[in-house]
Amino acid sequence: MRIERFESFMKDLLTNSGSQEIRSVQTFQETGYTDKPFGLRVEFANGAQVFTQFVRTSSPGGDDFSQPEEIVAGEPPSPAASPTLKLENGRLRVRDFEQFLKALVVNSGNPEIAKVQGFSERTEPAHHHRYGLSVEFHSGAHAFALFVYTLPAGTDHRSQSEFKVSETI
C-alpha cells in the first residue's frame, strides 16, 4: 500500500472509529503542517493532540512509481479485541492510543495487511520510538506510524522537540 493510500486509510479508520474521545482527525496537509509529508493530527476530547507521521519501505525489488500500484492481497490478520479509548482523570495514555490504533488496523480486515505490531510490544526497543505502529503488507512493504508529537491541551508543537513522546497527555 503506497503511502498516500495508507494515510487515507488511517484517516478513514480513525474518523469512523466511533470513539467519543476523538474530536478531529486531519492530514498534515489539511492542518498546514509541512515539516513531514504524510501523517495525521488527531485531537482528543481533552484538547490533547498526537501528530503521527507515516513512512514506508518498498517491497523487495522496489517500486516503480511511474506505474499504477500493484495491490498484493492475502489473509488479513486475525481480529483482535477492540480496546476502548478513554480519558482517565482527564488525560489519555499514549500507549492506549497506540493499542487503539493497532486494533483499528487489525480489525479493518484489509487483505493487503499481513501483520501489525505496536512499538511498545517489541522485546527490543525500536531505536528511540517507544510508541507507534509497524504495518507489514503482503507485498513485503512496511509502513510505520511514528508519533512525532504528543501534546497536552494548549501546547503548540513548535515549542516541543520532535519524537519526545509523553506517557500521558
C-alpha atoms as a PDB file:
ATOM      1  CA  MET A   1       0.000   0.000   0.000  1.00  0.00           C
ATOM      2  CA  ARG A   2       1.581   3.238  -1.107  1.00  0.00           C
ATOM      3  CA  ILE A   3       1.901   5.984   1.471  1.00  0.00           C
ATOM      4  CA  GLU A   4      -0.810   8.252   0.056  1.00  0.00           C
ATOM      5  CA  ARG A   5      -3.362   5.449   0.261  1.00  0.00           C
ATOM      6  CA  PHE A   6      -2.101   4.425   3.698  1.00  0.00           C
ATOM      7  CA  GLU A   7      -2.626   7.956   5.008  1.00  0.00           C
ATOM      8  CA  SER A   8      -6.187   7.991   3.636  1.00  0.00           C
ATOM      9  CA  PHE A   9      -6.830   4.502   5.044  1.00  0.00           C
ATOM     10  CA  MET A  10      -5.651   5.545   8.516  1.00  0.00           C
ATOM     11  CA  LYS A  11      -7.675   8.773   8.450  1.00  0.00           C
ATOM     12  CA  ASP A  12     -10.819   6.837   7.496  1.00  0.00           C
ATOM     13  CA  LEU A  13     -10.244   4.307  10.297  1.00  0.00           C
ATOM     14  CA  LEU A  14      -9.854   6.987  12.953  1.00  0.00           C
ATOM     15  CA  THR A  15     -12.648   9.196  11.632  1.00  0.00           C
ATOM     16  CA  ASN A  16     -15.086   6.279  11.551  1.00  0.00           C
ATOM     17  CA  SER A  17     -13.915   4.646  14.807  1.00  0.00           C
ATOM     18  CA  GLY A  18     -16.900   5.914  16.767  1.00  0.00           C
ATOM     19  CA  SER A  19     -14.662   6.947  19.669  1.00  0.00           C
ATOM     20  CA  GLN A  20     -16.165   9.736  21.740  1.00  0.00           C
ATOM     21  CA  GLU A  21     -12.643  10.733  22.778  1.00  0.00           C
ATOM     22  CA  ILE A  22     -11.567  11.733  19.252  1.00  0.00           C
ATOM     23  CA  ARG A  23     -12.560  15.307  18.431  1.00  0.00           C
ATOM     24  CA  SER A  24     -10.949  15.613  14.980  1.00  0.00           C
ATOM     25  CA  VAL A  25      -8.627  13.873  12.528  1.00  0.00           C
ATOM     26  CA  GLN A  26      -6.781  15.837   9.846  1.00  0.00           C
ATOM     27  CA  THR A  27      -3.932  15.085   7.472  1.00  0.00           C
ATOM     28  CA  PHE A  28      -0.763  17.105   7.918  1.00  0.00           C
ATOM     29  CA  GLN A  29      -1.592  18.824   4.629  1.00  0.00           C
ATOM     30  CA  GLU A  30      -5.051  19.807   5.899  1.00  0.00           C
ATOM     31  CA  THR A  31      -3.554  21.358   9.051  1.00  0.00           C
ATOM     32  CA  GLY A  32      -0.802  23.230   7.205  1.00  0.00           C
ATOM     33  CA  TYR A  33       1.913  21.220   8.982  1.00  0.00           C
ATOM     34  CA  THR A  34       4.649  20.970   6.348  1.00  0.00           C
ATOM     35  CA  ASP A  35       7.572  19.516   8.312  1.00  0.00           C
ATOM     36  CA  LYS A  36       6.622  15.945   7.320  1.00  0.00           C
ATOM     37  CA  PRO A  37       4.900  14.945   4.065  1.00  0.00           C
ATOM     38  CA  PHE A  38       2.429  12.312   5.313  1.00  0.00           C
ATOM     39  CA  GLY A  39       0.626  11.877   8.589  1.00  0.00           C
ATOM     40  CA  LEU A  40      -2.316  12.790  10.768  1.00  0.00           C
ATOM     41  CA  ARG A  41      -3.013  15.174  13.602  1.00  0.00           C
ATOM     42  CA  VAL A  42      -5.535  13.640  15.984  1.00  0.00           C
ATOM     43  CA  GLU A  43      -7.171  15.925  18.529  1.00  0.00           C
ATOM     44  CA  PHE A  44      -8.853  14.400  21.551  1.00  0.00           C
ATOM     45  CA  ALA A  45     -11.814  15.499  23.667  1.00  0.00           C
ATOM     46  CA  ASN A  46      -9.471  16.940  26.304  1.00  0.00           C
ATOM     47  CA  GLY A  47      -7.707  19.126  23.706  1.00  0.00           C
ATOM     48  CA  ALA A  48      -4.566  16.951  23.615  1.00  0.00           C
ATOM     49  CA  GLN A  49      -3.078  16.123  20.223  1.00  0.00           C
ATOM     50  CA  VAL A  50      -0.950  13.411  18.632  1.00  0.00           C
ATOM     51  CA  PHE A  51       0.928  14.114  15.403  1.00  0.00           C
ATOM     52  CA  THR A  52       1.565  10.767  13.707  1.00  0.00           C
ATOM     53  CA  GLN A  53       3.963  10.644  10.761  1.00  0.00           C
ATOM     54  CA  PHE A  54       3.676   7.872   8.166  1.00  0.00           C
ATOM     55  CA  VAL A  55       6.734   6.488   6.401  1.00  0.00           C
ATOM     56  CA  ARG A  56       7.063   3.434   4.194  1.00  0.00           C
ATOM     57  CA  THR A  57       9.599   0.986   2.857  1.00  0.00           C
ATOM     58  CA  SER A  58       9.207  -0.568  -0.574  1.00  0.00           C
ATOM     59  CA  SER A  59       8.575  -4.209  -1.232  1.00  0.00           C
ATOM     60  CA  PRO A  60      11.596  -6.356  -2.169  1.00  0.00           C
ATOM     61  CA  GLY A  61      12.678  -5.357  -5.648  1.00  0.00           C
ATOM     62  CA  GLY A  62      11.479  -1.798  -5.157  1.00  0.00           C
ATOM     63  CA  ASP A  63       8.564   0.171  -6.558  1.00  0.00           C
ATOM     64  CA  ASP A  64       8.140   1.821  -9.929  1.00  0.00           C
ATOM     65  CA  PHE A  65       6.146   4.909  -9.018  1.00  0.00           C
ATOM     66  CA  SER A  66       5.636   5.748 -12.699  1.00  0.00           C
ATOM     67  CA  GLN A  67       3.347   2.702 -12.879  1.00  0.00           C
ATOM     68  CA  PRO A  68      -0.011   2.095 -11.202  1.00  0.00           C
ATOM     69  CA  GLU A  69       0.252   0.490  -7.802  1.00  0.00           C
ATOM     70  CA  GLU A  70       0.153  -3.305  -7.824  1.00  0.00           C
ATOM     71  CA  ILE A  71      -2.046  -4.471  -4.973  1.00  0.00           C
ATOM     72  CA  VAL A  72      -0.986  -7.719  -3.316  1.00  0.00           C
ATOM     73  CA  ALA A  73      -3.629  -9.368  -1.151  1.00  0.00           C
ATOM     74  CA  GLY A  74      -3.554 -12.256   1.279  1.00  0.00           C
ATOM     75  CA  GLU A  75      -5.076 -13.366   4.552  1.00  0.00           C
ATOM     76  CA  PRO A  76      -5.610 -10.348   6.854  1.00  0.00           C
ATOM     77  CA  PRO A  77      -4.531 -10.544  10.494  1.00  0.00           C
ATOM     78  CA  SER A  78      -6.915 -12.289  12.870  1.00  0.00           C
ATOM     79  CA  PRO A  79      -9.319  -9.863  14.557  1.00  0.00           C
ATOM     80  CA  ALA A  80      -8.235  -8.539  17.940  1.00  0.00           C
ATOM     81  CA  ALA A  81     -10.081  -7.251  20.961  1.00  0.00           C
ATOM     82  CA  SER A  82     -11.010  -3.614  20.449  1.00  0.00           C
ATOM     83  CA  PRO A  83      -9.830  -1.539  23.388  1.00  0.00           C
ATOM     84  CA  THR A  84     -11.922   1.458  24.340  1.00  0.00           C
ATOM     85  CA  LEU A  85     -10.127   4.744  24.063  1.00  0.00           C
ATOM     86  CA  LYS A  86     -10.858   6.634  27.260  1.00  0.00           C
ATOM     87  CA  LEU A  87      -9.537   9.508  29.283  1.00  0.00           C
ATOM     88  CA  GLU A  88      -8.500   8.804  32.857  1.00  0.00           C
ATOM     89  CA  ASN A  89      -8.584  11.828  35.140  1.00  0.00           C
ATOM     90  CA  GLY A  90      -8.870  13.978  32.023  1.00  0.00           C
ATOM     91  CA  ARG A  91      -5.713  12.518  30.431  1.00  0.00           C
ATOM     92  CA  LEU A  92      -5.005   9.990  27.715  1.00  0.00           C
ATOM     93  CA  ARG A  93      -2.314   7.319  27.977  1.00  0.00           C
ATOM     94  CA  VAL A  94      -0.291   7.354  24.751  1.00  0.00           C
ATOM     95  CA  ARG A  95       0.125   3.569  24.863  1.00  0.00           C
ATOM     96  CA  ASP A  96      -3.671   3.239  24.933  1.00  0.00           C
ATOM     97  CA  PHE A  97      -3.868   5.313  21.751  1.00  0.00           C
ATOM     98  CA  GLU A  98      -1.196   3.123  20.148  1.00  0.00           C
ATOM     99  CA  GLN A  99      -3.143  -0.025  21.018  1.00  0.00           C
ATOM    100  CA  PHE A 100      -6.429   1.537  19.864  1.00  0.00           C
ATOM    101  CA  LEU A 101      -4.805   2.411  16.539  1.00  0.00           C
ATOM    102  CA  LYS A 102      -3.379  -1.103  16.221  1.00  0.00           C
ATOM    103  CA  ALA A 103      -6.805  -2.665  16.842  1.00  0.00           C
ATOM    104  CA  LEU A 104      -8.390  -0.413  14.196  1.00  0.00           C
ATOM    105  CA  VAL A 105      -5.844  -1.553  11.601  1.00  0.00           C
ATOM    106  CA  VAL A 106      -6.019  -5.245  12.547  1.00  0.00           C
ATOM    107  CA  ASN A 107      -9.816  -5.274  12.688  1.00  0.00           C
ATOM    108  CA  SER A 108     -10.186  -3.458   9.364  1.00  0.00           C
ATOM    109  CA  GLY A 109      -9.903  -6.832   7.621  1.00  0.00           C
ATOM    110  CA  ASN A 110      -7.778  -5.213   4.914  1.00  0.00           C
ATOM    111  CA  PRO A 111      -6.405  -8.093   2.784  1.00  0.00           C
ATOM    112  CA  GLU A 112      -3.250  -6.126   1.945  1.00  0.00           C
ATOM    113  CA  ILE A 113      -2.140  -6.207   5.591  1.00  0.00           C
ATOM    114  CA  ALA A 114      -0.206  -9.232   6.856  1.00  0.00           C
ATOM    115  CA  LYS A 115       0.882  -8.133  10.337  1.00  0.00           C
ATOM    116  CA  VAL A 116       0.611  -5.173  12.736  1.00  0.00           C
ATOM    117  CA  GLN A 117       2.768  -4.554  15.794  1.00  0.00           C
ATOM    118  CA  GLY A 118       2.791  -1.753  18.348  1.00  0.00           C
ATOM    119  CA  PHE A 119       6.256  -0.447  19.129  1.00  0.00           C
ATOM    120  CA  SER A 120       5.533  -0.780  22.859  1.00  0.00           C
ATOM    121  CA  GLU A 121       5.123  -4.549  22.351  1.00  0.00           C
ATOM    122  CA  ARG A 122       8.606  -5.086  20.964  1.00  0.00           C
ATOM    123  CA  THR A 123      11.001  -7.123  23.064  1.00  0.00           C
ATOM    124  CA  GLU A 124      13.861  -4.975  21.777  1.00  0.00           C
ATOM    125  CA  PRO A 125      13.381  -1.204  21.667  1.00  0.00           C
ATOM    126  CA  ALA A 126      12.894   0.314  18.220  1.00  0.00           C
ATOM    127  CA  HIS A 127      15.636   2.940  18.319  1.00  0.00           C
ATOM    128  CA  HIS A 128      14.122   5.867  20.202  1.00  0.00           C
ATOM    129  CA  HIS A 129      10.455   5.240  19.330  1.00  0.00           C
ATOM    130  CA  ARG A 130       8.589   3.874  22.354  1.00  0.00           C
ATOM    131  CA  TYR A 131       5.151   4.101  20.768  1.00  0.00           C
ATOM    132  CA  GLY A 132       3.881   3.766  17.209  1.00  0.00           C
ATOM    133  CA  LEU A 133       2.989   1.059  14.723  1.00  0.00           C
ATOM    134  CA  SER A 134       4.693  -1.211  12.244  1.00  0.00           C
ATOM    135  CA  VAL A 135       2.404  -2.461   9.480  1.00  0.00           C
ATOM    136  CA  GLU A 136       3.662  -5.252   7.228  1.00  0.00           C
ATOM    137  CA  PHE A 137       1.938  -5.748   3.889  1.00  0.00           C
ATOM    138  CA  HIS A 138       1.654  -8.959   1.888  1.00  0.00           C
ATOM    139  CA  SER A 139       3.725  -7.219  -0.806  1.00  0.00           C
ATOM    140  CA  GLY A 140       6.683  -7.179   1.601  1.00  0.00           C
ATOM    141  CA  ALA A 141       6.468  -3.391   2.029  1.00  0.00           C
ATOM    142  CA  HIS A 142       6.157  -1.870   5.506  1.00  0.00           C
ATOM    143  CA  ALA A 143       4.504   1.309   6.766  1.00  0.00           C
ATOM    144  CA  PHE A 144       5.327   2.906  10.076  1.00  0.00           C
ATOM    145  CA  ALA A 145       3.261   5.274  12.197  1.00  0.00           C
ATOM    146  CA  LEU A 146       5.692   7.392  14.207  1.00  0.00           C
ATOM    147  CA  PHE A 147       4.459   9.649  16.993  1.00  0.00           C
ATOM    148  CA  VAL A 148       6.168  12.973  16.252  1.00  0.00           C
ATOM    149  CA  TYR A 149       4.386  14.994  18.944  1.00  0.00           C
ATOM    150  CA  THR A 150       2.196  14.020  21.895  1.00  0.00           C
ATOM    151  CA  LEU A 151       0.865  17.330  23.143  1.00  0.00           C
ATOM    152  CA  PRO A 152      -1.231  18.202  26.185  1.00  0.00           C
ATOM    153  CA  ALA A 153      -4.086  20.640  25.588  1.00  0.00           C
ATOM    154  CA  GLY A 154      -2.953  24.161  24.753  1.00  0.00           C
ATOM    155  CA  THR A 155       0.597  23.162  23.756  1.00  0.00           C
ATOM    156  CA  ASP A 156       1.965  24.350  20.408  1.00  0.00           C
ATOM    157  CA  HIS A 157       4.035  21.746  18.581  1.00  0.00           C
ATOM    158  CA  ARG A 158       6.630  24.403  17.643  1.00  0.00           C
ATOM    159  CA  SER A 159       7.584  24.694  21.322  1.00  0.00           C
ATOM    160  CA  GLN A 160       8.306  20.957  21.630  1.00  0.00           C
ATOM    161  CA  SER A 161      11.044  18.578  20.472  1.00  0.00           C
ATOM    162  CA  GLU A 162      10.134  16.019  17.821  1.00  0.00           C
ATOM    163  CA  PHE A 163       9.737  12.406  18.914  1.00  0.00           C
ATOM    164  CA  LYS A 164       9.874  13.291  22.624  1.00  0.00           C
ATOM    165  CA  VAL A 165       6.791  11.244  23.440  1.00  0.00           C
ATOM    166  CA  SER A 166       4.930  11.692  26.720  1.00  0.00           C
ATOM    167  CA  GLU A 167       3.356   8.816  28.632  1.00  0.00           C
ATOM    168  CA  THR A 168       0.083  10.720  29.134  1.00  0.00           C
ATOM    169  CA  ILE A 169      -1.430  13.797  27.529  1.00  0.00           C
END
